[in-house]
Amino acid sequence: MNPSTMIGMVFGLVLLTAVLLFAAEDAHAYLNLPGLGIVIVGTLAATFISYPLREVLRVLGLLGIVFRNERLYTRDDMNELVNMATLWFRDDLRAVERALDRVRNPFLRTGVQLVIDGTPEQDILDLLRWRIARLRTREHAEAQMFRSMASFAPAFGMIGTLVGLINMLFVLDTGDMTVIGQHMGVALLTTFYGILLANLLFKPVAVKLERRTEERLIAMNMILEGVALICQKRNPTFVRETLRSFMAEYRDEIRESPATAPKNPSTGTRRS
């Protein structure tokens, strides 16, 4: 399981448990099935109306992605690109083809195969950019579905609140506090359920999917740049350093920290 997702789930459960145990007179008071049904069924109904069936059915698969600790194997892709750049720089076509057979990334394999086939560089880049744009569009739509659900849930919570208040008006003259309390519970808890689902489930899932897309796009752009450099027969060392720049995370390009700065060979002190 993805560790950040697991931590978020634990914090969410701790928060809800603390609310139920320490801030409520009766924990059962926070359970209202009619109100929960209004929010869940209403959100699903609006989602099915808004999106094609095939996209809605992918929701469960997308939730699996959020909970799964997915690896991108970016470093493996970089090493494979550098290796093939070295072989291509040496004009060892057979070795490049053998190395390409072991590549698992279809995007990388397509790009290098086009280079081997002698496809013009601009045509290769246009094709790879089109595939990057297609992935960005598809995954943006998937994340947008959860953002839509995050907006639907509070809205149906408000609908449940209106239903509960309207029903409560009809029983006010009876003076039966039990019946009045039931309708008030529906009125208040549906809004609670809608806000909770929107901010603890739907929006976090959307943000997680968007972040996943950003990481995948960085990896694909790294491959795009590597294929372009292979096509130009650039020096393998230059290829390696260029691709490493795509993998650098929070690296200060201006000044290194004292702990990581290299020592001056003559004095043994850190260079500033």
Protein backbone atom coordinates (compact mmCIF):
# COMPACT_ATOMS: atom_id res chain seq x y z
CA MET A 1 0.00 0.00 0.00
CA ASN A 2 1.10 3.56 -0.70
CA PRO A 3 2.58 4.80 2.62
CA SER A 4 1.20 8.35 2.35
CA THR A 5 -2.28 6.99 1.61
CA MET A 6 -2.03 4.68 4.61
CA ILE A 7 -0.90 7.53 6.87
CA GLY A 8 -3.76 9.71 5.65
CA MET A 9 -6.28 6.94 6.30
CA VAL A 10 -4.94 6.42 9.82
CA PHE A 11 -5.13 10.14 10.59
CA GLY A 12 -8.66 10.30 9.19
CA LEU A 13 -9.80 7.35 11.29
CA VAL A 14 -8.14 8.84 14.39
CA LEU A 15 -9.93 12.13 13.77
CA LEU A 16 -13.33 10.49 13.36
CA THR A 17 -12.77 8.26 16.38
CA ALA A 18 -11.79 11.25 18.52
CA VAL A 19 -14.92 13.12 17.41
CA LEU A 20 -17.19 10.19 18.18
CA LEU A 21 -15.62 9.32 21.53
CA PHE A 22 -14.84 12.72 23.01
CA ALA A 23 -17.10 15.24 21.28
CA ALA A 24 -20.37 13.32 21.13
CA GLU A 25 -22.80 12.40 23.86
CA ASP A 26 -23.79 9.32 21.88
CA ALA A 27 -21.68 7.94 19.04
CA HIS A 28 -24.76 6.38 17.46
CA ALA A 29 -26.13 9.88 16.94
CA TYR A 30 -23.68 10.30 14.04
CA LEU A 31 -25.14 7.32 12.18
CA ASN A 32 -28.07 8.22 9.99
CA LEU A 33 -28.62 5.83 7.11
CA PRO A 34 -31.23 7.92 5.24
CA GLY A 35 -28.93 10.93 5.25
CA LEU A 36 -25.92 8.86 4.16
CA GLY A 37 -28.02 7.29 1.42
CA ILE A 38 -29.04 10.70 0.07
CA VAL A 39 -25.41 11.77 -0.24
CA ILE A 40 -23.99 8.55 -1.69
CA VAL A 41 -26.82 7.71 -4.09
CA GLY A 42 -27.20 11.33 -5.17
CA THR A 43 -23.47 11.68 -5.84
CA LEU A 44 -23.40 8.46 -7.85
CA ALA A 45 -26.50 9.48 -9.81
CA ALA A 46 -24.97 12.85 -10.73
CA THR A 47 -21.70 11.17 -11.69
CA PHE A 48 -23.43 8.66 -13.99
CA ILE A 49 -25.33 11.50 -15.63
CA SER A 50 -22.18 13.57 -16.11
CA TYR A 51 -19.79 10.93 -17.47
CA PRO A 52 -19.93 7.99 -19.93
CA LEU A 53 -20.47 4.58 -18.35
CA ARG A 54 -17.01 3.27 -19.29
CA GLU A 55 -15.34 6.16 -17.46
CA VAL A 56 -17.45 5.74 -14.32
CA LEU A 57 -16.67 2.03 -14.21
CA ARG A 58 -12.95 2.89 -14.03
CA VAL A 59 -13.48 4.53 -10.63
CA LEU A 60 -12.73 1.33 -8.70
CA GLY A 61 -9.56 0.80 -10.70
CA LEU A 62 -8.47 4.37 -10.02
CA LEU A 63 -9.03 3.87 -6.30
CA GLY A 64 -6.75 0.84 -6.54
CA ILE A 65 -4.03 3.03 -8.06
CA VAL A 66 -4.29 5.46 -5.13
CA PHE A 67 -3.89 2.69 -2.57
CA ARG A 68 -1.17 0.84 -4.49
CA ASN A 69 2.48 1.85 -4.11
CA GLU A 70 3.15 2.26 -7.82
CA ARG A 71 6.72 2.46 -9.11
CA LEU A 72 7.71 4.27 -12.28
CA TYR A 73 11.16 2.65 -12.76
CA THR A 74 12.49 6.01 -13.95
CA ARG A 75 16.07 5.18 -13.02
CA ASP A 76 15.90 1.92 -15.00
CA ASP A 77 14.60 3.83 -18.02
CA MET A 78 17.43 6.35 -17.70
CA ASN A 79 20.07 3.61 -17.51
CA GLU A 80 18.60 1.87 -20.55
CA LEU A 81 18.61 5.12 -22.51
CA VAL A 82 22.23 5.84 -21.60
CA ASN A 83 23.22 2.29 -22.52
CA MET A 84 21.53 2.49 -25.91
CA ALA A 85 22.94 5.98 -26.49
CA THR A 86 26.42 4.56 -25.92
CA LEU A 87 25.83 1.71 -28.37
CA TRP A 88 24.27 4.02 -30.94
CA PHE A 89 27.17 6.46 -30.59
CA ARG A 90 29.47 3.53 -31.47
CA ASP A 91 27.28 2.61 -34.49
CA ASP A 92 26.64 -0.84 -32.98
CA LEU A 93 23.16 -1.36 -34.43
CA ARG A 94 22.90 -5.05 -33.52
CA ALA A 95 23.70 -4.33 -29.88
CA VAL A 96 21.08 -1.57 -29.79
CA GLU A 97 18.45 -3.96 -31.15
CA ARG A 98 19.37 -6.60 -28.57
CA ALA A 99 19.18 -4.02 -25.77
CA LEU A 100 15.83 -2.82 -27.10
CA ASP A 101 14.38 -6.32 -26.84
CA ARG A 102 14.92 -6.18 -23.07
CA VAL A 103 13.16 -2.83 -22.60
CA ARG A 104 9.83 -3.08 -20.73
CA ASN A 105 8.70 0.51 -21.20
CA PRO A 106 6.60 0.63 -24.42
CA PHE A 107 6.99 4.41 -24.74
CA LEU A 108 10.78 4.14 -24.62
CA ARG A 109 10.79 1.13 -26.92
CA THR A 110 8.70 2.94 -29.54
CA GLY A 111 10.97 5.98 -29.53
CA VAL A 112 14.23 4.06 -29.90
CA GLN A 113 12.74 1.73 -32.52
CA LEU A 114 11.81 4.74 -34.63
CA VAL A 115 15.40 6.00 -34.35
CA ILE A 116 16.70 2.61 -35.51
CA ASP A 117 14.28 2.64 -38.44
CA GLY A 118 15.70 5.96 -39.61
CA THR A 119 12.57 8.04 -38.94
CA PRO A 120 13.24 11.81 -39.07
CA GLU A 121 13.79 13.29 -35.63
CA GLN A 122 10.93 15.78 -35.89
CA ASP A 123 8.47 13.02 -36.81
CA ILE A 124 9.61 10.97 -33.80
CA LEU A 125 9.22 13.91 -31.44
CA ASP A 126 5.79 14.77 -32.84
CA LEU A 127 4.56 11.22 -32.30
CA LEU A 128 5.94 10.97 -28.76
CA ARG A 129 4.55 14.40 -27.83
CA TRP A 130 1.15 13.35 -29.12
CA ARG A 131 1.23 10.27 -26.89
CA ILE A 132 2.25 12.44 -23.92
CA ALA A 133 -0.63 14.83 -24.63
CA ARG A 134 -3.06 11.92 -24.93
CA LEU A 135 -2.00 10.52 -21.56
CA ARG A 136 -2.25 13.96 -19.95
CA THR A 137 -5.77 14.47 -21.31
CA ARG A 138 -7.01 11.02 -20.28
CA GLU A 139 -5.63 11.13 -16.75
CA HIS A 140 -6.75 14.72 -16.22
CA ALA A 141 -10.29 13.60 -17.06
CA GLU A 142 -10.00 10.76 -14.53
CA ALA A 143 -8.92 13.13 -11.76
CA GLN A 144 -11.62 15.62 -12.79
CA MET A 145 -14.25 12.94 -12.18
CA PHE A 146 -13.32 12.82 -8.50
CA ARG A 147 -13.29 16.61 -8.32
CA SER A 148 -16.81 16.58 -9.72
CA MET A 149 -17.85 14.04 -7.08
CA ALA A 150 -16.29 16.30 -4.45
CA SER A 151 -18.61 19.08 -5.59
CA PHE A 152 -21.67 16.83 -5.87
CA ALA A 153 -21.40 15.35 -2.34
CA PRO A 154 -21.82 18.63 -0.35
CA ALA A 155 -24.61 19.70 -2.72
CA PHE A 156 -26.58 16.55 -1.99
CA GLY A 157 -25.76 17.05 1.67
CA MET A 158 -27.57 20.37 1.44
CA ILE A 159 -30.48 18.69 -0.34
CA GLY A 160 -30.71 16.23 2.55
CA THR A 161 -30.64 19.16 4.95
CA LEU A 162 -33.57 20.78 3.15
CA VAL A 163 -35.49 17.50 3.16
CA GLY A 164 -34.93 17.09 6.88
CA LEU A 165 -35.97 20.68 7.65
CA ILE A 166 -39.11 20.46 5.51
CA ASN A 167 -40.15 17.21 7.20
CA MET A 168 -39.42 18.74 10.59
CA LEU A 169 -41.79 21.64 9.87
CA PHE A 170 -44.64 19.22 9.33
CA VAL A 171 -44.18 17.60 12.74
CA LEU A 172 -43.49 20.69 14.83
CA ASP A 173 -47.11 20.98 15.88
CA THR A 174 -47.07 17.46 17.32
CA GLY A 175 -44.51 18.41 19.94
CA ASP A 176 -42.99 14.90 19.70
CA MET A 177 -39.29 15.60 20.28
CA THR A 178 -38.30 12.10 19.15
CA VAL A 179 -39.77 12.59 15.70
CA ILE A 180 -38.48 16.16 15.50
CA GLY A 181 -35.00 14.97 16.50
CA GLN A 182 -34.98 12.31 13.78
CA HIS A 183 -35.74 14.84 11.08
CA MET A 184 -33.21 17.27 12.53
CA GLY A 185 -30.63 14.48 12.47
CA VAL A 186 -31.24 13.94 8.76
CA ALA A 187 -31.03 17.69 8.20
CA LEU A 188 -27.65 18.10 9.93
CA LEU A 189 -25.92 14.80 9.26
CA THR A 190 -26.40 14.81 5.49
CA THR A 191 -24.36 18.02 5.27
CA PHE A 192 -21.78 16.41 7.58
CA TYR A 193 -21.57 13.32 5.36
CA GLY A 194 -21.29 15.36 2.17
CA ILE A 195 -18.48 17.56 3.46
CA LEU A 196 -16.68 14.57 4.96
CA LEU A 197 -16.76 12.51 1.76
CA ALA A 198 -15.73 15.49 -0.37
CA ASN A 199 -12.71 16.48 1.73
CA LEU A 200 -11.57 13.13 3.09
CA LEU A 201 -12.11 10.95 0.02
CA PHE A 202 -12.94 12.58 -3.32
CA LYS A 203 -10.61 15.62 -3.28
CA PRO A 204 -7.60 13.72 -1.86
CA VAL A 205 -8.03 11.03 -4.51
CA ALA A 206 -8.18 13.70 -7.23
CA VAL A 207 -5.01 15.36 -5.92
CA LYS A 208 -3.24 12.00 -5.71
CA LEU A 209 -4.16 11.16 -9.31
CA GLU A 210 -3.02 14.59 -10.50
CA ARG A 211 0.31 14.19 -8.72
CA ARG A 212 0.71 10.72 -10.25
CA THR A 213 0.11 12.20 -13.70
CA GLU A 214 2.76 14.86 -13.10
CA GLU A 215 5.32 12.21 -12.18
CA ARG A 216 4.45 10.11 -15.22
CA LEU A 217 4.75 13.14 -17.50
CA ILE A 218 8.19 13.94 -16.10
CA ALA A 219 9.29 10.36 -16.81
CA MET A 220 7.87 10.46 -20.33
CA ASN A 221 9.51 13.83 -21.08
CA MET A 222 12.80 12.42 -19.84
CA ILE A 223 12.45 9.57 -22.33
CA LEU A 224 11.47 12.04 -25.06
CA GLU A 225 14.64 14.05 -24.44
CA GLY A 226 16.75 10.89 -24.33
CA VAL A 227 15.37 9.66 -27.65
CA ALA A 228 16.06 13.07 -29.21
CA LEU A 229 19.67 12.96 -27.99
CA ILE A 230 20.11 9.41 -29.29
CA CYS A 231 18.76 10.52 -32.66
CA GLN A 232 21.36 13.32 -32.69
CA LYS A 233 24.14 10.86 -31.69
CA ARG A 234 25.13 13.01 -28.75
CA ASN A 235 27.94 11.99 -26.42
CA PRO A 236 26.73 9.37 -23.86
CA THR A 237 28.11 11.42 -20.96
CA PHE A 238 26.06 14.41 -22.08
CA VAL A 239 23.02 12.17 -22.42
CA ARG A 240 23.49 10.85 -18.88
CA GLU A 241 23.84 14.31 -17.32
CA THR A 242 20.87 15.65 -19.27
CA LEU A 243 18.63 12.80 -18.14
CA ARG A 244 19.79 13.13 -14.55
CA SER A 245 18.41 16.67 -14.51
CA PHE A 246 14.93 15.21 -14.95
CA MET A 247 15.42 13.04 -11.86
CA ALA A 248 16.88 15.73 -9.60
CA GLU A 249 14.59 16.45 -6.65
CA TYR A 250 14.90 19.64 -4.64
CA ARG A 251 18.57 20.02 -5.57
CA ASP A 252 20.12 23.44 -5.10
CA GLU A 253 21.98 24.15 -8.34
CA ILE A 254 23.68 27.29 -6.90
CA ARG A 255 25.24 26.21 -3.61
CA GLU A 256 25.71 22.87 -1.88
CA SER A 257 25.24 22.43 1.84
CA PRO A 258 28.42 22.22 3.96
CA ALA A 259 27.81 18.54 4.64
CA THR A 260 27.76 17.64 0.95
CA ALA A 261 30.27 20.13 -0.47
CA PRO A 262 33.43 18.48 -1.84
CA LYS A 263 36.68 18.98 0.09
CA ASN A 264 39.52 21.10 -1.20
CA PRO A 265 42.20 18.55 -2.15
CA SER A 266 45.06 20.75 -0.93
CA THR A 267 43.68 21.82 2.48
CA GLY A 268 41.12 19.13 3.23
CA THR A 269 38.52 21.82 3.98
CA ARG A 270 35.12 22.25 2.41
CA ARG A 271 35.01 24.54 -0.62
CA SER A 272 32.44 27.34 -0.45
